[in-house]
Every structure is written in structure tokens, then in C-alpha cells.
Protein backbone atom coordinates (compact mmCIF):
# COMPACT_ATOMS: atom_id res chain seq x y z
CA MET A 1 -1.32 1.65 40.88
CA ALA A 2 0.76 -0.88 38.95
CA SER A 3 -2.32 -2.98 38.23
CA VAL A 4 -4.11 0.02 36.73
CA ALA A 5 -1.21 0.84 34.42
CA LYS A 6 -0.94 -2.78 33.35
CA LYS A 7 -4.31 -2.96 31.65
CA VAL A 8 -6.50 -0.05 30.63
CA ASN A 9 -9.80 -0.50 28.89
CA PRO A 10 -10.40 2.61 26.79
CA GLY A 11 -14.10 1.73 26.76
CA PHE A 12 -16.75 2.42 24.14
CA ILE A 13 -18.18 5.55 22.57
CA TRP A 14 -21.68 6.42 23.83
CA GLU A 15 -24.04 8.86 22.10
CA TRP A 16 -26.28 10.60 24.59
CA GLU A 17 -29.20 13.00 24.79
CA GLY A 18 -30.28 14.92 27.87
CA LYS A 19 -31.28 18.25 29.39
CA ASP A 20 -29.07 20.75 31.14
CA ARG A 21 -30.01 22.63 34.33
CA SER A 22 -32.03 25.16 32.32
CA GLY A 23 -34.04 22.40 30.65
CA LYS A 24 -32.40 22.83 27.23
CA VAL A 25 -32.05 19.62 25.20
CA ILE A 26 -28.40 18.86 24.46
CA ARG A 27 -26.65 15.97 22.73
CA GLY A 28 -23.11 14.66 22.61
CA GLU A 29 -20.85 11.68 22.97
CA LEU A 30 -18.39 10.40 25.52
CA ARG A 31 -16.18 7.41 26.15
CA ALA A 32 -16.89 4.99 29.00
CA GLU A 33 -16.58 1.30 29.78
CA THR A 34 -20.31 0.70 30.42
CA GLU A 35 -23.63 2.49 30.01
CA ALA A 36 -23.91 2.93 33.78
CA VAL A 37 -20.51 4.64 33.95
CA ALA A 38 -21.52 6.91 31.05
CA LYS A 39 -24.74 7.97 32.84
CA THR A 40 -22.81 8.60 36.07
CA GLN A 41 -20.35 10.87 34.26
CA LEU A 42 -23.21 12.84 32.70
CA ARG A 43 -25.06 13.26 36.02
CA ARG A 44 -21.89 14.62 37.60
CA GLN A 45 -21.92 17.28 34.87
CA GLY A 46 -25.45 18.25 35.90
CA ILE A 47 -27.10 16.64 32.87
CA ASN A 48 -30.50 14.96 33.21
CA VAL A 49 -30.00 11.92 30.98
CA VAL A 50 -32.83 11.08 28.55
CA LYS A 51 -31.13 8.30 26.59
CA VAL A 52 -27.70 6.78 26.11
CA LYS A 53 -26.86 4.62 23.12
CA ARG A 54 -23.62 2.85 22.29
CA ARG A 55 -22.27 3.84 18.93
CA ARG A 56 -22.14 0.87 16.61
CA SER A 57 -18.75 0.95 14.97
CA GLY A 58 -19.28 -2.30 13.10
CA PHE A 59 -16.21 -3.73 11.49
CA GLY A 60 -15.55 -0.60 9.46
CA ARG A 61 -12.96 -0.67 6.81
CA LYS A 62 -9.46 -1.72 7.73
CA ILE A 63 -6.83 0.82 8.72
CA THR A 64 -4.73 1.66 5.67
CA GLU A 65 -1.41 3.38 5.17
CA LYS A 66 -3.35 6.37 3.86
CA ASP A 67 -5.21 6.60 7.19
CA ILE A 68 -1.93 6.57 9.13
CA THR A 69 -0.39 9.18 6.81
CA LEU A 70 -3.40 11.48 7.20
CA PHE A 71 -3.32 11.09 10.98
CA THR A 72 0.43 11.84 11.07
CA ARG A 73 -0.07 15.05 9.09
CA GLN A 74 -3.00 16.09 11.33
CA LEU A 75 -1.03 15.41 14.50
CA SER A 76 1.98 17.30 13.11
CA THR A 77 -0.14 20.34 12.21
CA MET A 78 -1.87 20.44 15.61
CA MET A 79 1.37 19.97 17.57
CA ARG A 80 3.06 22.78 15.64
CA ALA A 81 0.03 24.97 16.38
CA GLY A 82 0.49 24.34 20.11
CA VAL A 83 -2.44 21.95 20.67
CA PRO A 84 -1.70 19.62 23.65
CA LEU A 85 -0.96 16.02 22.65
CA LEU A 86 -3.99 14.37 24.30
CA GLN A 87 -6.35 17.00 22.92
CA ALA A 88 -4.81 16.52 19.46
CA PHE A 89 -5.59 12.81 19.67
CA ASP A 90 -9.19 13.59 20.64
CA ILE A 91 -9.61 15.93 17.68
CA ALA A 92 -8.01 13.49 15.20
CA ALA A 93 -10.06 10.55 16.49
CA LYS A 94 -13.44 12.30 16.46
CA GLY A 95 -12.81 13.82 13.03
CA HIS A 96 -11.95 10.55 11.32
CA GLY A 97 -14.53 8.78 9.17
CA ASN A 98 -13.16 5.28 9.80
CA PRO A 99 -14.42 3.79 13.12
CA ALA A 100 -11.42 1.45 13.26
CA VAL A 101 -9.02 4.42 13.19
CA THR A 102 -11.07 6.27 15.83
CA LYS A 103 -10.94 3.25 18.14
CA MET A 104 -7.19 2.77 17.63
CA LEU A 105 -6.36 6.45 18.24
CA LEU A 106 -8.41 6.56 21.43
CA GLU A 107 -6.61 3.43 22.65
CA VAL A 108 -3.25 5.11 21.98
CA ARG A 109 -4.47 8.20 23.83
CA ALA A 110 -5.47 6.05 26.81
CA ASP A 111 -2.01 4.46 26.88
CA VAL A 112 -0.30 7.87 26.83
CA GLU A 113 -2.63 9.14 29.54
CA THR A 114 -1.59 6.26 31.83
CA GLY A 115 2.10 7.14 31.55
CA LEU A 116 3.45 5.45 28.43
CA SER A 117 5.52 7.50 26.03
CA LEU A 118 4.01 8.10 22.61
CA ALA A 119 6.65 5.85 20.98
CA GLU A 120 5.86 3.03 23.44
CA ALA A 121 2.14 3.37 22.74
CA PHE A 122 2.79 3.14 18.99
CA ARG A 123 5.13 0.15 19.44
CA LYS A 124 2.22 -1.78 20.97
CA ARG A 125 0.57 -1.61 17.52
CA PRO A 126 3.21 -2.84 15.04
CA LEU A 127 0.52 -3.63 12.48
CA TYR A 128 0.00 0.11 11.92
CA PHE A 129 3.22 1.73 13.15
CA ASP A 130 6.45 0.18 11.90
CA LYS A 131 9.91 0.37 13.45
CA LEU A 132 10.79 3.44 11.37
CA PHE A 133 7.74 5.34 12.61
CA CYS A 134 8.39 4.44 16.25
CA ASN A 135 12.11 5.26 16.05
CA LEU A 136 11.40 8.74 14.71
CA ILE A 137 8.74 9.40 17.37
CA ALA A 138 11.16 8.21 20.07
CA ALA A 139 13.89 10.50 18.70
CA GLY A 140 11.47 13.43 18.69
CA GLU A 141 10.38 12.81 22.29
CA THR A 142 13.97 12.37 23.50
CA GLY A 143 15.19 15.55 21.78
CA GLY A 144 12.12 17.61 22.62
CA VAL A 145 11.41 18.21 18.93
CA LEU A 146 8.37 15.98 18.47
CA ASP A 147 6.50 18.57 16.39
CA SER A 148 9.29 18.93 13.81
CA LEU A 149 9.90 15.16 13.70
CA LEU A 150 6.19 14.59 13.09
CA ASP A 151 6.39 17.05 10.21
CA LYS A 152 9.36 15.15 8.72
CA LEU A 153 7.56 11.86 9.23
CA ALA A 154 4.36 13.11 7.59
CA THR A 155 6.33 14.45 4.60
CA TYR A 156 8.21 11.16 4.34
CA LYS A 157 5.02 9.06 4.39
CA GLU A 158 3.33 11.33 1.82
CA LYS A 159 6.28 10.98 -0.57
CA VAL A 160 6.45 7.20 -0.08
CA MET A 161 2.72 6.91 -0.73
CA ALA A 162 3.10 8.97 -3.90
CA ILE A 163 5.89 6.74 -5.23
CA LYS A 164 3.89 3.60 -4.37
CA GLY A 165 0.91 5.02 -6.22
CA LYS A 166 2.98 5.60 -9.35
CA ILE A 167 4.30 2.02 -9.28
CA LYS A 168 0.78 0.64 -8.85
CA SER A 169 -0.54 2.75 -11.73
CA ALA A 170 2.30 1.46 -13.93
CA MET A 171 1.41 -2.17 -13.18
CA ILE A 172 -2.38 -2.09 -12.77
CA TYR A 173 -3.15 -0.67 -16.22
CA PRO A 174 -1.61 -3.50 -18.32
CA THR A 175 -2.88 -6.11 -15.83
CA ALA A 176 -6.43 -4.80 -16.11
CA ILE A 177 -6.25 -4.78 -19.92
CA VAL A 178 -4.96 -8.38 -20.03
CA ALA A 179 -7.68 -9.53 -17.62
CA THR A 180 -10.36 -7.76 -19.68
CA ALA A 181 -9.03 -9.32 -22.89
CA PHE A 182 -9.14 -12.78 -21.32
CA ILE A 183 -12.73 -12.32 -20.13
CA ILE A 184 -13.89 -11.04 -23.54
CA THR A 185 -12.16 -13.96 -25.27
CA ALA A 186 -13.75 -16.45 -22.85
CA VAL A 187 -17.24 -14.99 -23.48
CA ILE A 188 -16.71 -15.25 -27.26
CA MET A 189 -15.45 -18.82 -26.92
CA ILE A 190 -18.31 -19.98 -24.70
CA TYR A 191 -21.30 -18.13 -26.21
CA VAL A 192 -20.48 -16.81 -29.70
CA ILE A 193 -18.36 -19.54 -31.36
CA PRO A 194 -20.87 -22.38 -30.64
CA ALA A 195 -23.52 -20.46 -32.63
CA PHE A 196 -21.17 -20.33 -35.62
CA LYS A 197 -20.35 -24.02 -35.13
CA ASP A 198 -24.04 -24.95 -35.51
CA LEU A 199 -24.22 -22.81 -38.64
CA PHE A 200 -21.10 -24.40 -40.18
CA SER A 201 -22.34 -27.95 -39.51
CA SER A 202 -25.00 -27.44 -42.21
CA PHE A 203 -22.45 -26.39 -44.86
CA GLY A 204 -21.32 -29.97 -45.57
CA ALA A 205 -17.84 -28.72 -46.58
CA ASP A 206 -14.38 -28.86 -45.06
CA LEU A 207 -13.65 -25.91 -42.80
CA PRO A 208 -10.38 -23.91 -42.97
CA ALA A 209 -7.67 -24.87 -40.47
CA PRO A 210 -7.90 -21.57 -38.44
CA THR A 211 -11.66 -22.10 -38.04
CA LEU A 212 -11.16 -25.69 -36.85
CA VAL A 213 -8.58 -24.52 -34.27
CA VAL A 214 -10.95 -21.84 -32.93
CA ILE A 215 -13.86 -24.33 -32.76
CA TRP A 216 -11.66 -26.82 -30.90
CA LEU A 217 -10.66 -24.09 -28.40
CA SER A 218 -14.32 -23.13 -28.02
CA ASP A 219 -15.30 -26.74 -27.26
CA PHE A 220 -12.55 -26.91 -24.67
CA PHE A 221 -13.78 -23.69 -23.02
CA VAL A 222 -17.41 -24.86 -23.04
CA HIS A 223 -16.63 -28.23 -21.44
CA TRP A 224 -13.87 -27.13 -19.06
CA TRP A 225 -14.63 -23.48 -18.26
CA TRP A 226 -14.97 -24.30 -14.54
CA LEU A 227 -11.52 -25.93 -14.56
CA ILE A 228 -9.93 -23.02 -16.45
CA PHE A 229 -11.32 -20.28 -14.20
CA GLY A 230 -10.87 -22.41 -11.07
CA SER A 231 -7.22 -23.08 -11.93
CA ILE A 232 -6.50 -19.40 -12.61
CA PHE A 233 -8.14 -18.11 -9.42
CA GLY A 234 -6.70 -21.01 -7.41
CA ALA A 235 -3.19 -20.32 -8.70
CA ILE A 236 -3.51 -16.60 -7.89
CA PHE A 237 -4.79 -17.33 -4.38
CA ALA A 238 -2.09 -19.97 -3.75
CA PHE A 239 0.62 -17.59 -4.98
CA PHE A 240 -0.41 -14.71 -2.73
CA TYR A 241 -0.93 -17.07 0.23
CA ALA A 242 2.58 -18.51 -0.18
CA PHE A 243 4.04 -15.09 -1.03
CA LYS A 244 2.98 -13.57 2.30
CA ARG A 245 4.45 -16.45 4.29
CA THR A 246 7.66 -17.24 2.39
CA PRO A 247 10.44 -14.61 2.45
CA LYS A 248 12.47 -16.67 -0.03
CA LEU A 249 9.62 -16.56 -2.55
CA GLN A 250 9.30 -12.80 -2.01
CA GLU A 251 12.99 -12.35 -2.73
CA GLN A 252 12.83 -14.47 -5.90
CA PHE A 253 9.73 -12.59 -7.11
CA ASP A 254 11.33 -9.19 -6.41
CA ARG A 255 14.51 -10.34 -8.18
CA ILE A 256 12.47 -11.32 -11.26
CA LEU A 257 10.60 -7.99 -11.19
CA LEU A 258 13.89 -6.07 -11.21
CA LYS A 259 14.98 -7.96 -14.36
CA LEU A 260 11.79 -7.24 -16.33
CA PRO A 261 12.22 -4.84 -19.28
CA VAL A 262 10.92 -1.30 -18.64
CA ILE A 263 8.92 -2.28 -15.51
CA GLY A 264 12.08 -3.53 -13.76
CA ASP A 265 13.83 -0.20 -14.30
CA ILE A 266 10.88 1.71 -12.82
CA ILE A 267 10.77 -0.58 -9.77
CA ARG A 268 14.52 -0.23 -9.24
CA LYS A 269 14.35 3.58 -9.35
CA ALA A 270 11.35 3.64 -7.02
CA THR A 271 13.09 1.32 -4.56
CA ILE A 272 16.25 3.45 -4.53
CA ALA A 273 14.12 6.56 -3.99
CA ARG A 274 12.35 4.99 -0.99
CA TRP A 275 15.62 3.60 0.39
CA SER A 276 17.34 6.98 0.19
CA ARG A 277 14.35 8.90 1.54
CA THR A 278 14.02 6.58 4.54
CA LEU A 279 17.70 6.73 5.46
CA SER A 280 17.77 10.50 4.97
CA THR A 281 14.75 11.02 7.26
CA LEU A 282 16.15 8.80 10.02
CA PHE A 283 19.68 10.22 9.84
CA ALA A 284 18.38 13.81 9.87
CA ALA A 285 16.37 12.94 13.01
CA GLY A 286 19.59 11.99 14.79
CA VAL A 287 19.15 8.22 14.64
CA PRO A 288 22.63 6.56 14.47
CA LEU A 289 23.49 5.18 11.02
CA VAL A 290 23.70 1.51 12.04
CA GLU A 291 20.38 1.73 13.89
CA ALA A 292 18.80 3.64 11.00
CA LEU A 293 19.82 0.93 8.51
CA ASP A 294 17.86 -1.54 10.64
CA SER A 295 14.64 0.19 9.53
CA VAL A 296 15.67 1.09 5.98
CA GLY A 297 15.64 -2.42 4.48
CA GLY A 298 12.03 -3.16 5.36
CA ALA A 299 10.92 0.30 4.22
CA SER A 300 12.48 -0.16 0.76
CA GLY A 301 9.60 -2.43 -0.27
CA ASN A 302 11.87 -4.90 -2.06
CA GLN A 303 13.32 -8.08 -0.53
CA VAL A 304 16.47 -7.91 -2.68
CA TYR A 305 17.32 -4.46 -1.32
CA SER A 306 16.20 -5.51 2.16
CA GLU A 307 18.73 -8.37 2.21
CA ALA A 308 21.41 -6.09 0.75
CA THR A 309 20.74 -3.55 3.51
CA LYS A 310 21.54 -6.18 6.14
CA LEU A 311 24.94 -6.69 4.50
CA ILE A 312 25.48 -2.90 4.37
CA GLN A 313 24.57 -2.66 8.07
CA ASN A 314 27.08 -5.37 8.99
CA ASP A 315 29.84 -3.64 7.00
CA VAL A 316 29.08 -0.20 8.47
CA SER A 317 29.02 -1.63 12.01
CA THR A 318 32.58 -2.93 11.48
CA GLY A 319 33.88 0.45 10.34
CA SER A 320 33.31 0.51 6.57
CA SER A 321 31.97 3.66 4.94
CA LEU A 322 28.36 3.67 3.78
CA SER A 323 29.28 4.32 0.13
CA TYR A 324 31.80 1.45 0.07
CA SER A 325 29.29 -0.92 1.68
CA MET A 326 26.63 0.07 -0.85
CA GLN A 327 29.06 -0.45 -3.73
CA ARG A 328 29.76 -4.03 -2.60
CA THR A 329 26.10 -5.00 -3.11
CA GLY A 330 26.15 -4.08 -6.81
CA LEU A 331 22.58 -2.72 -6.56
CA PHE A 332 23.21 1.03 -6.55
CA PRO A 333 24.09 3.16 -9.63
CA ASN A 334 27.37 5.02 -9.70
CA MET A 335 25.68 8.41 -9.25
CA VAL A 336 24.11 7.25 -5.98
CA LEU A 337 27.47 5.97 -4.73
CA GLN A 338 29.28 9.19 -5.66
CA MET A 339 26.70 11.45 -4.01
CA THR A 340 26.67 9.28 -0.89
CA SER A 341 30.47 9.46 -0.71
CA ILE A 342 30.38 13.27 -1.06
CA GLY A 343 27.72 13.46 1.65
CA GLU A 344 29.86 11.40 4.04
CA GLU A 345 32.95 13.51 3.41
CA SER A 346 31.13 16.84 3.73
CA GLY A 347 29.00 15.86 6.73
CA SER A 348 25.76 16.41 4.79
CA LEU A 349 24.74 12.78 4.22
CA ASP A 350 21.06 13.40 4.98
CA GLN A 351 20.86 16.24 2.43
CA MET A 352 22.61 14.21 -0.27
CA LEU A 353 20.32 11.24 0.31
CA ASP A 354 17.36 13.59 0.09
CA LYS A 355 18.58 14.89 -3.28
CA ILE A 356 19.03 11.30 -4.51
CA ALA A 357 15.45 10.53 -3.51
CA ASP A 358 14.14 13.66 -5.26
CA PHE A 359 16.04 12.75 -8.44
CA TYR A 360 14.79 9.18 -8.61
CA GLU A 361 11.22 10.14 -7.75
CA GLU A 362 11.28 12.49 -10.75
CA GLU A 363 12.79 9.68 -12.84
CA VAL A 364 9.91 7.41 -11.83
CA ASP A 365 7.40 10.13 -12.80
CA ASN A 366 8.93 10.41 -16.26
CA ALA A 367 9.26 6.64 -16.71
CA VAL A 368 5.63 5.98 -15.75
CA ALA A 369 4.45 8.68 -18.17
CA SER A 370 6.57 7.16 -20.97
CA LEU A 371 5.36 3.66 -20.13
CA SER A 372 1.72 4.69 -20.38
CA SER A 373 2.27 6.27 -23.80
CA LEU A 374 4.10 3.14 -25.02
CA LEU A 375 1.63 0.64 -23.60
CA GLU A 376 -1.54 2.11 -25.06
CA PRO A 377 -0.74 1.48 -28.76
CA ALA A 378 0.88 -1.89 -27.94
CA ILE A 379 -2.20 -3.07 -26.04
CA MET A 380 -4.48 -1.87 -28.84
CA VAL A 381 -2.45 -3.89 -31.36
CA ILE A 382 -2.57 -7.03 -29.18
CA LEU A 383 -6.33 -6.75 -28.64
CA GLY A 384 -6.87 -6.04 -32.32
CA VAL A 385 -4.87 -9.12 -33.37
CA LEU A 386 -6.62 -11.33 -30.79
CA ILE A 387 -10.22 -10.29 -31.40
CA GLY A 388 -9.66 -9.67 -35.12
CA GLY A 389 -8.07 -13.12 -35.52
CA LEU A 390 -11.11 -14.79 -33.94
CA VAL A 391 -13.52 -12.84 -36.16
CA ILE A 392 -11.56 -13.62 -39.35
CA ALA A 393 -11.30 -17.32 -38.45
CA MET A 394 -15.07 -17.57 -38.02
CA TYR A 395 -15.91 -15.64 -41.19
CA MET A 396 -13.48 -17.51 -43.45
CA PRO A 397 -15.97 -20.36 -44.17
CA ILE A 398 -18.66 -17.79 -45.03
CA PHE A 399 -16.30 -16.04 -47.47
CA LYS A 400 -15.35 -19.41 -48.94
CA MET A 401 -19.01 -20.36 -49.37
CA GLY A 402 -19.70 -17.00 -51.02
CA GLN A 403 -16.90 -17.62 -53.56
CA VAL A 404 -18.30 -21.10 -54.36
CA VAL A 405 -21.82 -19.76 -54.87
CA GLY A 406 -20.44 -16.88 -56.98
């Protein structure tokens, strides 16, 4: 029995076609380790098998946070409606459009069916289910309130996804505009300016200084375009490669982001919102404060706050109050500290943290909207100066020639 529980192969999904006892053609799918096992299962059901074909899942797209959030909400809804856990997994797996998610959910189901708790089954897949997720599931199973904890977890993940989306929209727009401007400038430098250069060579007159600078830049682009683009893409790749593997670099980058004008303020508010929401959700689920703080740092999405959370956890574990420990880091605004202190004194810390999260999420909404309205005219001015400057520099010799002829 121990050997069976040690390793379970959830098998593959087989699509089949056959005839029932009345001769009616029926189709379906089942899960089995081999084709022979699939046919045996069907014959036991009184089905005359015509064909069995393994479903090709391919690589599929990778499992994203959105997939996990959707699954959490589905599982919460079905559990609250009284659907048994294993049946809920079957429904969620078969209804998902991503084969990778289907495979993963059926593997979790198989683990639960062999005796593992749901939290233990999730902990075997840390790539998709973090410590926070597993701790909340474990608390729900222990307290017999898994359905309500799943609802809290789904709400939490939906709110975190929303705040992440707002931060991405605030940063992607200017990045995309800058990249587009660079590509347009490169095309002008490589293809348009050389045509003007050939035209100007027949003038036999000295060219204005701005025109000479633009022609020199164009020559540089034409001869070294492969080096320019290679260096840019190489630097981006090297940065992200090192960023994923170097916590110190992540902390320095996050520290720089927090100091940026406008963007830094948005990131700080979003981080505080996520930090507060995470701690509120865990504390409301009955997870002890010191243990909850162990998951909060990583969920904040910022290395600076993650390191500060470790210091807060150490202080709280030695008897300090949460508000005092937060104040020592110098990363939390006075309003957050005051509301946390009131929550500790009144015994409603989870509710106060929830209100803090709501407030800062609304602040992020307003800040992103303001940023978009400020960026649009600024970006138009920058593009106008850049492209307009190139056009003027190339037409100056033509204007000069027209004045001489006139």
C-alpha cells in the first residue's frame, strides 16, 4: 500500500468512440495510463470499443497566474455550492482551455485521491502554488472552512492581479512609445537620410552643422546597425538573466524604481496595498502573525519590502508590536502605521489592513489615470521634437539653396 501512495501516475487522457449495448454510437474521454487499460475500462462499462486515441496536449501555453486565479474562483464557487472536492477538480480540469492546466489539476486530484491533503498536493507544485496559497488552504482544511477560505483566496488573487495590471499599464505605455520612437528613428537613419546625402553631395556647398551631425549619425547607423541592435537586445537579455538569479540586483532595481518620480510613488502605493491585503487575508484566516509575515514579504512583489518584512517578523517574534516594527523600517506612511496601531489595540487588525489595502488600491487607480493624461502630451512633444528635428536638419540645405537661387 505504501508503494502505491509513493508514486501515482495520473495517466493520459484518451478520446474514445464505441457502441453501447443497444448499438448506439457514443463518444467520450477518460484517463488511463495506457491504451490497453483505457479499453479494459470501457469494456467493463459494457462499451464495444471502435477506436481509442490519446489526446495530444502538445506543449500548450504555460500556466499563468490568471489560470490559477480562475481555477481558485471556480473551485470556491463549486465548493460553496456543495460539489464534492474530487468532482470539482474534474469539472475544472475538463472545462479549462489550457492543456497544461488540465494535466496539472488532474495530477493534484490524483494526489488527493491517494490520501494527501489538498494543501500537501498543492505544496508539491511550488511553481504554481506559493506558500501563501498553501498556508490558506491548510488553514481552511484544519478549521473545516475550506469553502470560505477559498472564497477569500480567490478574492485576494483577483485584487492582486488587478493591482499588477494597473502597474503594468502604467509602465508598458511609455516603454512602448520609446521603443517605437527608436525604431522609427533607426529606419529614417538607415533608409531615408542616405537618400538625402546623395542629393546633397551634388550641391557643391557647405552643409549646415545640424545636417552634418544627422548625416554622421546616419552613417554610423548604416555601418554599425547590427552592433547597435545586438548591444541593445544583448543588454536587455543579460539584465533579465542576471535579474532572475541575483536577489541583490533585484533589491537595487526595486530601490531605484521606488525613487523614480511619479512611477516610484505608484509602485510604492501598489506594494503597500499588496502587502496589507496579503497580511489581512492570512490573519483573517487564523494564521499566526509571525507565520503570516513569512509569506507576506514575497507576496509584496518588491525586494525592498520583502527584506523589511523579515526585519518586522524578527521584531514581532521577540514581542514588539506590528505597528512599531513597521515604523522602524521607514517604508510605511504615517496613516498606515496609525491604522495598524488602532487595529492591534481594538483586535480588528485584519479589517484595518483590509481598509488600508482598499485605500491604496484606489490611490493607484487615480495615480495611473493621472499618469496617462500627463504622459500623452509629453510623449507627443518628445516625438515631435525628435522627428521634427530630423526633418528640419535635412531640409535646411534645400532652404539655403532656395535662398541662393532666389
